[in-house]
Amino acid sequence: FWLNESLAEWIPRFKSRGYSLVLGSNTNILHSDHYR
């Protein structure tokens, strides 16, 4: 994995506007534990 920097920088900005943020991913426990 590597981060999508161009989108990642916007996540806290959306959060600051009061939006509920949900991650919805097809993934397995090894991958999700790791990238979290």
ModelCIF file with pLDDT and N, C-alpha, C, O atoms, coordinates in Angstrom:
data_MODEL
#
_entry.id   MODEL 
#
_entity.id                         1 
_entity.type                       polymer 
_entity.pdbx_number_of_molecules   1 
#
_entity_poly.entity_id                      1 
_entity_poly.type                           'polypeptide(L)' 
_entity_poly.nstd_linkage                   no 
_entity_poly.nstd_monomer                   no 
_entity_poly.pdbx_seq_one_letter_code       FWLNESLAEWIPRFKSRGYSLVLGSNTNILHSDHYR 
_entity_poly.pdbx_seq_one_letter_code_can   FWLNESLAEWIPRFKSRGYSLVLGSNTNILHSDHYR 
_entity_poly.pdbx_strand_id                 A 
#
loop_
_entity_poly_seq.entity_id 
_entity_poly_seq.num 
_entity_poly_seq.mon_id 
_entity_poly_seq.hetero 
1 1  PHE n 
1 2  TRP n 
1 3  LEU n 
1 4  ASN n 
1 5  GLU n 
1 6  SER n 
1 7  LEU n 
1 8  ALA n 
1 9  GLU n 
1 10 TRP n 
1 11 ILE n 
1 12 PRO n 
1 13 ARG n 
1 14 PHE n 
1 15 LYS n 
1 16 SER n 
1 17 ARG n 
1 18 GLY n 
1 19 TYR n 
1 20 SER n 
1 21 LEU n 
1 22 VAL n 
1 23 LEU n 
1 24 GLY n 
1 25 SER n 
1 26 ASN n 
1 27 THR n 
1 28 ASN n 
1 29 ILE n 
1 30 LEU n 
1 31 HIS n 
1 32 SER n 
1 33 ASP n 
1 34 HIS n 
1 35 TYR n 
1 36 ARG n 
#
_struct_asym.id          A 
_struct_asym.entity_id   1 
#
loop_
_ma_qa_metric.id 
_ma_qa_metric.mode 
_ma_qa_metric.name 
_ma_qa_metric.software_group_id 
_ma_qa_metric.type 
1 global pLDDT . pLDDT 
2 local  pLDDT . pLDDT 
#
_ma_qa_metric_global.metric_id      1 
_ma_qa_metric_global.metric_value   97.11 
_ma_qa_metric_global.model_id       1 
_ma_qa_metric_global.ordinal_id     1 
#
loop_
_ma_qa_metric_local.label_asym_id 
_ma_qa_metric_local.label_comp_id 
_ma_qa_metric_local.label_seq_id 
_ma_qa_metric_local.metric_id 
_ma_qa_metric_local.metric_value 
_ma_qa_metric_local.model_id 
_ma_qa_metric_local.ordinal_id 
A PHE 1  2 98.00 1 1  
A TRP 2  2 98.00 1 2  
A LEU 3  2 98.00 1 3  
A ASN 4  2 98.00 1 4  
A GLU 5  2 98.00 1 5  
A SER 6  2 98.00 1 6  
A LEU 7  2 98.00 1 7  
A ALA 8  2 98.00 1 8  
A GLU 9  2 97.00 1 9  
A TRP 10 2 97.00 1 10 
A ILE 11 2 97.00 1 11 
A PRO 12 2 96.00 1 12 
A ARG 13 2 95.00 1 13 
A PHE 14 2 96.00 1 14 
A LYS 15 2 95.00 1 15 
A SER 16 2 93.00 1 16 
A ARG 17 2 93.00 1 17 
A GLY 18 2 93.00 1 18 
A TYR 19 2 96.00 1 19 
A SER 20 2 96.00 1 20 
A LEU 21 2 98.00 1 21 
A VAL 22 2 98.00 1 22 
A LEU 23 2 98.00 1 23 
A GLY 24 2 98.00 1 24 
A SER 25 2 98.00 1 25 
A ASN 26 2 98.00 1 26 
A THR 27 2 98.00 1 27 
A ASN 28 2 98.00 1 28 
A ILE 29 2 98.00 1 29 
A LEU 30 2 98.00 1 30 
A HIS 31 2 98.00 1 31 
A SER 32 2 98.00 1 32 
A ASP 33 2 98.00 1 33 
A HIS 34 2 98.00 1 34 
A TYR 35 2 98.00 1 35 
A ARG 36 2 98.00 1 36 
#
loop_
_atom_site.group_PDB 
_atom_site.id 
_atom_site.type_symbol 
_atom_site.label_atom_id 
_atom_site.label_alt_id 
_atom_site.label_comp_id 
_atom_site.label_asym_id 
_atom_site.label_entity_id 
_atom_site.label_seq_id 
_atom_site.pdbx_PDB_ins_code 
_atom_site.Cartn_x 
_atom_site.Cartn_y 
_atom_site.Cartn_z 
_atom_site.occupancy 
_atom_site.B_iso_or_equiv 
_atom_site.pdbx_formal_charge 
_atom_site.auth_seq_id 
_atom_site.auth_comp_id 
_atom_site.auth_asym_id 
_atom_site.auth_atom_id 
_atom_site.pdbx_PDB_model_num 
ATOM 1   N N  . PHE A 1 1  ? 0.809   -1.221 0.000  1.00 98.00 ? 1  PHE A N  1 
ATOM 2   C CA . PHE A 1 1  ? 0.000   0.000  0.000  1.00 98.00 ? 1  PHE A CA 1 
ATOM 3   C C  . PHE A 1 1  ? 0.840   1.268  0.000  1.00 98.00 ? 1  PHE A C  1 
ATOM 4   O O  . PHE A 1 1  ? 1.954   1.296  0.525  1.00 98.00 ? 1  PHE A O  1 
ATOM 5   N N  . TRP A 1 2  ? 0.280   2.326  -0.604 1.00 98.00 ? 2  TRP A N  1 
ATOM 6   C CA . TRP A 1 2  ? 0.835   3.655  -0.440 1.00 98.00 ? 2  TRP A CA 1 
ATOM 7   C C  . TRP A 1 2  ? -0.324  4.652  -0.476 1.00 98.00 ? 2  TRP A C  1 
ATOM 8   O O  . TRP A 1 2  ? -1.351  4.414  -1.111 1.00 98.00 ? 2  TRP A O  1 
ATOM 9   N N  . LEU A 1 3  ? -0.133  5.764  0.215  1.00 98.00 ? 3  LEU A N  1 
ATOM 10  C CA . LEU A 1 3  ? -1.210  6.730  0.421  1.00 98.00 ? 3  LEU A CA 1 
ATOM 11  C C  . LEU A 1 3  ? -1.465  7.562  -0.830 1.00 98.00 ? 3  LEU A C  1 
ATOM 12  O O  . LEU A 1 3  ? -0.533  7.932  -1.544 1.00 98.00 ? 3  LEU A O  1 
ATOM 13  N N  . ASN A 1 4  ? -2.740  7.852  -1.086 1.00 98.00 ? 4  ASN A N  1 
ATOM 14  C CA . ASN A 1 4  ? -3.121  8.812  -2.114 1.00 98.00 ? 4  ASN A CA 1 
ATOM 15  C C  . ASN A 1 4  ? -3.045  10.202 -1.481 1.00 98.00 ? 4  ASN A C  1 
ATOM 16  O O  . ASN A 1 4  ? -4.030  10.713 -0.947 1.00 98.00 ? 4  ASN A O  1 
ATOM 17  N N  . GLU A 1 5  ? -1.881  10.786 -1.551 1.00 98.00 ? 5  GLU A N  1 
ATOM 18  C CA . GLU A 1 5  ? -1.636  12.056 -0.861 1.00 98.00 ? 5  GLU A CA 1 
ATOM 19  C C  . GLU A 1 5  ? -2.599  13.155 -1.317 1.00 98.00 ? 5  GLU A C  1 
ATOM 20  O O  . GLU A 1 5  ? -3.021  13.988 -0.515 1.00 98.00 ? 5  GLU A O  1 
ATOM 21  N N  . SER A 1 6  ? -2.941  13.152 -2.597 1.00 98.00 ? 6  SER A N  1 
ATOM 22  C CA . SER A 1 6  ? -3.785  14.226 -3.136 1.00 98.00 ? 6  SER A CA 1 
ATOM 23  C C  . SER A 1 6  ? -5.163  14.249 -2.511 1.00 98.00 ? 6  SER A C  1 
ATOM 24  O O  . SER A 1 6  ? -5.766  15.314 -2.373 1.00 98.00 ? 6  SER A O  1 
ATOM 25  N N  . LEU A 1 7  ? -5.679  13.065 -2.123 1.00 98.00 ? 7  LEU A N  1 
ATOM 26  C CA . LEU A 1 7  ? -6.993  13.006 -1.478 1.00 98.00 ? 7  LEU A CA 1 
ATOM 27  C C  . LEU A 1 7  ? -6.865  13.030 0.038  1.00 98.00 ? 7  LEU A C  1 
ATOM 28  O O  . LEU A 1 7  ? -7.707  13.605 0.727  1.00 98.00 ? 7  LEU A O  1 
ATOM 29  N N  . ALA A 1 8  ? -5.815  12.409 0.553  1.00 98.00 ? 8  ALA A N  1 
ATOM 30  C CA . ALA A 1 8  ? -5.658  12.314 2.008  1.00 98.00 ? 8  ALA A CA 1 
ATOM 31  C C  . ALA A 1 8  ? -5.650  13.689 2.669  1.00 98.00 ? 8  ALA A C  1 
ATOM 32  O O  . ALA A 1 8  ? -6.170  13.843 3.774  1.00 98.00 ? 8  ALA A O  1 
ATOM 33  N N  . GLU A 1 9  ? -5.072  14.680 2.014  1.00 97.00 ? 9  GLU A N  1 
ATOM 34  C CA . GLU A 1 9  ? -5.002  16.009 2.623  1.00 97.00 ? 9  GLU A CA 1 
ATOM 35  C C  . GLU A 1 9  ? -6.377  16.645 2.795  1.00 97.00 ? 9  GLU A C  1 
ATOM 36  O O  . GLU A 1 9  ? -6.536  17.561 3.602  1.00 97.00 ? 9  GLU A O  1 
ATOM 37  N N  . TRP A 1 10 ? -7.384  16.164 2.039  1.00 97.00 ? 10 TRP A N  1 
ATOM 38  C CA . TRP A 1 10 ? -8.722  16.735 2.131  1.00 97.00 ? 10 TRP A CA 1 
ATOM 39  C C  . TRP A 1 10 ? -9.566  16.106 3.236  1.00 97.00 ? 10 TRP A C  1 
ATOM 40  O O  . TRP A 1 10 ? -10.569 16.685 3.652  1.00 97.00 ? 10 TRP A O  1 
ATOM 41  N N  . ILE A 1 11 ? -9.176  14.948 3.707  1.00 97.00 ? 11 ILE A N  1 
ATOM 42  C CA . ILE A 1 11 ? -10.000 14.245 4.696  1.00 97.00 ? 11 ILE A CA 1 
ATOM 43  C C  . ILE A 1 11 ? -10.209 15.071 5.969  1.00 97.00 ? 11 ILE A C  1 
ATOM 44  O O  . ILE A 1 11 ? -11.353 15.226 6.395  1.00 97.00 ? 11 ILE A O  1 
ATOM 45  N N  . PRO A 1 12 ? -9.161  15.604 6.590  1.00 96.00 ? 12 PRO A N  1 
ATOM 46  C CA . PRO A 1 12 ? -9.417  16.431 7.787  1.00 96.00 ? 12 PRO A CA 1 
ATOM 47  C C  . PRO A 1 12 ? -10.216 17.691 7.485  1.00 96.00 ? 12 PRO A C  1 
ATOM 48  O O  . PRO A 1 12 ? -10.892 18.218 8.368  1.00 96.00 ? 12 PRO A O  1 
ATOM 49  N N  . ARG A 1 13 ? -10.151 18.176 6.264  1.00 95.00 ? 13 ARG A N  1 
ATOM 50  C CA . ARG A 1 13 ? -10.926 19.360 5.903  1.00 95.00 ? 13 ARG A CA 1 
ATOM 51  C C  . ARG A 1 13 ? -12.413 19.046 5.832  1.00 95.00 ? 13 ARG A C  1 
ATOM 52  O O  . ARG A 1 13 ? -13.246 19.836 6.277  1.00 95.00 ? 13 ARG A O  1 
ATOM 53  N N  . PHE A 1 14 ? -12.738 17.893 5.272  1.00 96.00 ? 14 PHE A N  1 
ATOM 54  C CA . PHE A 1 14 ? -14.144 17.481 5.281  1.00 96.00 ? 14 PHE A CA 1 
ATOM 55  C C  . PHE A 1 14 ? -14.620 17.251 6.714  1.00 96.00 ? 14 PHE A C  1 
ATOM 56  O O  . PHE A 1 14 ? -15.744 17.603 7.071  1.00 96.00 ? 14 PHE A O  1 
ATOM 57  N N  . LYS A 1 15 ? -13.762 16.664 7.516  1.00 95.00 ? 15 LYS A N  1 
ATOM 58  C CA . LYS A 1 15 ? -14.113 16.422 8.919  1.00 95.00 ? 15 LYS A CA 1 
ATOM 59  C C  . LYS A 1 15 ? -14.391 17.740 9.640  1.00 95.00 ? 15 LYS A C  1 
ATOM 60  O O  . LYS A 1 15 ? -15.310 17.826 10.454 1.00 95.00 ? 15 LYS A O  1 
ATOM 61  N N  . SER A 1 16 ? -13.594 18.762 9.338  1.00 93.00 ? 16 SER A N  1 
ATOM 62  C CA . SER A 1 16 ? -13.767 20.055 10.004 1.00 93.00 ? 16 SER A CA 1 
ATOM 63  C C  . SER A 1 16 ? -15.065 20.738 9.617  1.00 93.00 ? 16 SER A C  1 
ATOM 64  O O  . SER A 1 16 ? -15.537 21.629 10.324 1.00 93.00 ? 16 SER A O  1 
ATOM 65  N N  . ARG A 1 17 ? -15.654 20.320 8.481  1.00 93.00 ? 17 ARG A N  1 
ATOM 66  C CA . ARG A 1 17 ? -16.936 20.875 8.052  1.00 93.00 ? 17 ARG A CA 1 
ATOM 67  C C  . ARG A 1 17 ? -18.111 20.129 8.674  1.00 93.00 ? 17 ARG A C  1 
ATOM 68  O O  . ARG A 1 17 ? -19.267 20.470 8.424  1.00 93.00 ? 17 ARG A O  1 
ATOM 69  N N  . GLY A 1 18 ? -17.821 19.118 9.478  1.00 93.00 ? 18 GLY A N  1 
ATOM 70  C CA . GLY A 1 18 ? -18.880 18.428 10.209 1.00 93.00 ? 18 GLY A CA 1 
ATOM 71  C C  . GLY A 1 18 ? -19.467 17.225 9.518  1.00 93.00 ? 18 GLY A C  1 
ATOM 72  O O  . GLY A 1 18 ? -20.463 16.674 9.986  1.00 93.00 ? 18 GLY A O  1 
ATOM 73  N N  . TYR A 1 19 ? -18.875 16.797 8.406  1.00 96.00 ? 19 TYR A N  1 
ATOM 74  C CA . TYR A 1 19 ? -19.394 15.621 7.723  1.00 96.00 ? 19 TYR A CA 1 
ATOM 75  C C  . TYR A 1 19 ? -19.019 14.356 8.490  1.00 96.00 ? 19 TYR A C  1 
ATOM 76  O O  . TYR A 1 19 ? -17.924 14.251 9.044  1.00 96.00 ? 19 TYR A O  1 
ATOM 77  N N  . SER A 1 20 ? -19.940 13.406 8.512  1.00 96.00 ? 20 SER A N  1 
ATOM 78  C CA . SER A 1 20 ? -19.628 12.077 9.023  1.00 96.00 ? 20 SER A CA 1 
ATOM 79  C C  . SER A 1 20 ? -18.799 11.365 7.967  1.00 96.00 ? 20 SER A C  1 
ATOM 80  O O  . SER A 1 20 ? -19.187 11.313 6.799  1.00 96.00 ? 20 SER A O  1 
ATOM 81  N N  . LEU A 1 21 ? -17.666 10.820 8.370  1.00 98.00 ? 21 LEU A N  1 
ATOM 82  C CA . LEU A 1 21 ? -16.762 10.143 7.444  1.00 98.00 ? 21 LEU A CA 1 
ATOM 83  C C  . LEU A 1 21 ? -16.763 8.646  7.723  1.00 98.00 ? 21 LEU A C  1 
ATOM 84  O O  . LEU A 1 21 ? -16.528 8.208  8.849  1.00 98.00 ? 21 LEU A O  1 
ATOM 85  N N  . VAL A 1 22 ? -17.028 7.878  6.688  1.00 98.00 ? 22 VAL A N  1 
ATOM 86  C CA . VAL A 1 22 ? -17.058 6.423  6.810  1.00 98.00 ? 22 VAL A CA 1 
ATOM 87  C C  . VAL A 1 22 ? -16.132 5.837  5.748  1.00 98.00 ? 22 VAL A C  1 
ATOM 88  O O  . VAL A 1 22 ? -16.149 6.271  4.596  1.00 98.00 ? 22 VAL A O  1 
ATOM 89  N N  . LEU A 1 23 ? -15.331 4.861  6.134  1.00 98.00 ? 23 LEU A N  1 
ATOM 90  C CA . LEU A 1 23 ? -14.525 4.109  5.191  1.00 98.00 ? 23 LEU A CA 1 
ATOM 91  C C  . LEU A 1 23 ? -15.279 2.826  4.875  1.00 98.00 ? 23 LEU A C  1 
ATOM 92  O O  . LEU A 1 23 ? -15.697 2.112  5.786  1.00 98.00 ? 23 LEU A O  1 
ATOM 93  N N  . GLY A 1 24 ? -15.455 2.528  3.589  1.00 98.00 ? 24 GLY A N  1 
ATOM 94  C CA . GLY A 1 24 ? -16.178 1.323  3.182  1.00 98.00 ? 24 GLY A CA 1 
ATOM 95  C C  . GLY A 1 24 ? -15.337 0.514  2.214  1.00 98.00 ? 24 GLY A C  1 
ATOM 96  O O  . GLY A 1 24 ? -15.206 0.879  1.046  1.00 98.00 ? 24 GLY A O  1 
ATOM 97  N N  . SER A 1 25 ? -14.760 -0.592 2.695  1.00 98.00 ? 25 SER A N  1 
ATOM 98  C CA . SER A 1 25 ? -13.741 -1.277 1.906  1.00 98.00 ? 25 SER A CA 1 
ATOM 99  C C  . SER A 1 25 ? -13.963 -2.783 1.821  1.00 98.00 ? 25 SER A C  1 
ATOM 100 O O  . SER A 1 25 ? -14.239 -3.440 2.825  1.00 98.00 ? 25 SER A O  1 
ATOM 101 N N  . ASN A 1 26 ? -13.838 -3.322 0.603  1.00 98.00 ? 26 ASN A N  1 
ATOM 102 C CA . ASN A 1 26 ? -13.687 -4.769 0.434  1.00 98.00 ? 26 ASN A CA 1 
ATOM 103 C C  . ASN A 1 26 ? -12.240 -5.101 0.790  1.00 98.00 ? 26 ASN A C  1 
ATOM 104 O O  . ASN A 1 26 ? -11.315 -4.722 0.072  1.00 98.00 ? 26 ASN A O  1 
ATOM 105 N N  . THR A 1 27 ? -12.054 -5.801 1.887  1.00 98.00 ? 27 THR A N  1 
ATOM 106 C CA . THR A 1 27 ? -10.692 -6.048 2.347  1.00 98.00 ? 27 THR A CA 1 
ATOM 107 C C  . THR A 1 27 ? -10.687 -7.228 3.301  1.00 98.00 ? 27 THR A C  1 
ATOM 108 O O  . THR A 1 27 ? -11.739 -7.741 3.681  1.00 98.00 ? 27 THR A O  1 
ATOM 109 N N  . ASN A 1 28 ? -9.509  -7.645 3.678  1.00 98.00 ? 28 ASN A N  1 
ATOM 110 C CA . ASN A 1 28 ? -9.348  -8.741 4.640  1.00 98.00 ? 28 ASN A CA 1 
ATOM 111 C C  . ASN A 1 28 ? -8.700  -8.222 5.900  1.00 98.00 ? 28 ASN A C  1 
ATOM 112 O O  . ASN A 1 28 ? -8.183  -7.105 5.932  1.00 98.00 ? 28 ASN A O  1 
ATOM 113 N N  . ILE A 1 29 ? -8.728  -9.032 6.934  1.00 98.00 ? 29 ILE A N  1 
ATOM 114 C CA . ILE A 1 29 ? -8.288  -8.552 8.235  1.00 98.00 ? 29 ILE A CA 1 
ATOM 115 C C  . ILE A 1 29 ? -6.804  -8.214 8.269  1.00 98.00 ? 29 ILE A C  1 
ATOM 116 O O  . ILE A 1 29 ? -6.401  -7.297 8.984  1.00 98.00 ? 29 ILE A O  1 
ATOM 117 N N  . LEU A 1 30 ? -5.981  -8.936 7.510  1.00 98.00 ? 30 LEU A N  1 
ATOM 118 C CA . LEU A 1 30 ? -4.556  -8.620 7.492  1.00 98.00 ? 30 LEU A CA 1 
ATOM 119 C C  . LEU A 1 30 ? -4.317  -7.253 6.869  1.00 98.00 ? 30 LEU A C  1 
ATOM 120 O O  . LEU A 1 30 ? -3.546  -6.451 7.396  1.00 98.00 ? 30 LEU A O  1 
ATOM 121 N N  . HIS A 1 31 ? -4.971  -6.991 5.757  1.00 98.00 ? 31 HIS A N  1 
ATOM 122 C CA . HIS A 1 31 ? -4.793  -5.703 5.098  1.00 98.00 ? 31 HIS A CA 1 
ATOM 123 C C  . HIS A 1 31 ? -5.376  -4.557 5.910  1.00 98.00 ? 31 HIS A C  1 
ATOM 124 O O  . HIS A 1 31 ? -4.720  -3.531 6.087  1.00 98.00 ? 31 HIS A O  1 
ATOM 125 N N  . SER A 1 32 ? -6.598  -4.715 6.406  1.00 98.00 ? 32 SER A N  1 
ATOM 126 C CA . SER A 1 32 ? -7.217  -3.600 7.135  1.00 98.00 ? 32 SER A CA 1 
ATOM 127 C C  . SER A 1 32 ? -6.460  -3.288 8.421  1.00 98.00 ? 32 SER A C  1 
ATOM 128 O O  . SER A 1 32 ? -6.279  -2.118 8.758  1.00 98.00 ? 32 SER A O  1 
ATOM 129 N N  . ASP A 1 33 ? -6.020  -4.308 9.140  1.00 98.00 ? 33 ASP A N  1 
ATOM 130 C CA . ASP A 1 33 ? -5.238  -4.058 10.355 1.00 98.00 ? 33 ASP A CA 1 
ATOM 131 C C  . ASP A 1 33 ? -3.946  -3.312 10.033 1.00 98.00 ? 33 ASP A C  1 
ATOM 132 O O  . ASP A 1 33 ? -3.513  -2.427 10.772 1.00 98.00 ? 33 ASP A O  1 
ATOM 133 N N  . HIS A 1 34 ? -3.344  -3.697 8.905  1.00 98.00 ? 34 HIS A N  1 
ATOM 134 C CA . HIS A 1 34 ? -2.075  -3.072 8.530  1.00 98.00 ? 34 HIS A CA 1 
ATOM 135 C C  . HIS A 1 34 ? -2.268  -1.621 8.095  1.00 98.00 ? 34 HIS A C  1 
ATOM 136 O O  . HIS A 1 34 ? -1.584  -0.731 8.602  1.00 98.00 ? 34 HIS A O  1 
ATOM 137 N N  . TYR A 1 35 ? -3.196  -1.369 7.158  1.00 98.00 ? 35 TYR A N  1 
ATOM 138 C CA . TYR A 1 35 ? -3.263  0.002  6.657  1.00 98.00 ? 35 TYR A CA 1 
ATOM 139 C C  . TYR A 1 35 ? -3.896  0.959  7.657  1.00 98.00 ? 35 TYR A C  1 
ATOM 140 O O  . TYR A 1 35 ? -3.689  2.169  7.563  1.00 98.00 ? 35 TYR A O  1 
ATOM 141 N N  . ARG A 1 36 ? -4.660  0.444  8.609  1.00 98.00 ? 36 ARG A N  1 
ATOM 142 C CA . ARG A 1 36 ? -5.138  1.332  9.672  1.00 98.00 ? 36 ARG A CA 1 
ATOM 143 C C  . ARG A 1 36 ? -3.972  1.880  10.480 1.00 98.00 ? 36 ARG A C  1 
ATOM 144 O O  . ARG A 1 36 ? -4.178  2.648  11.420 1.00 98.00 ? 36 ARG A O  1 
#
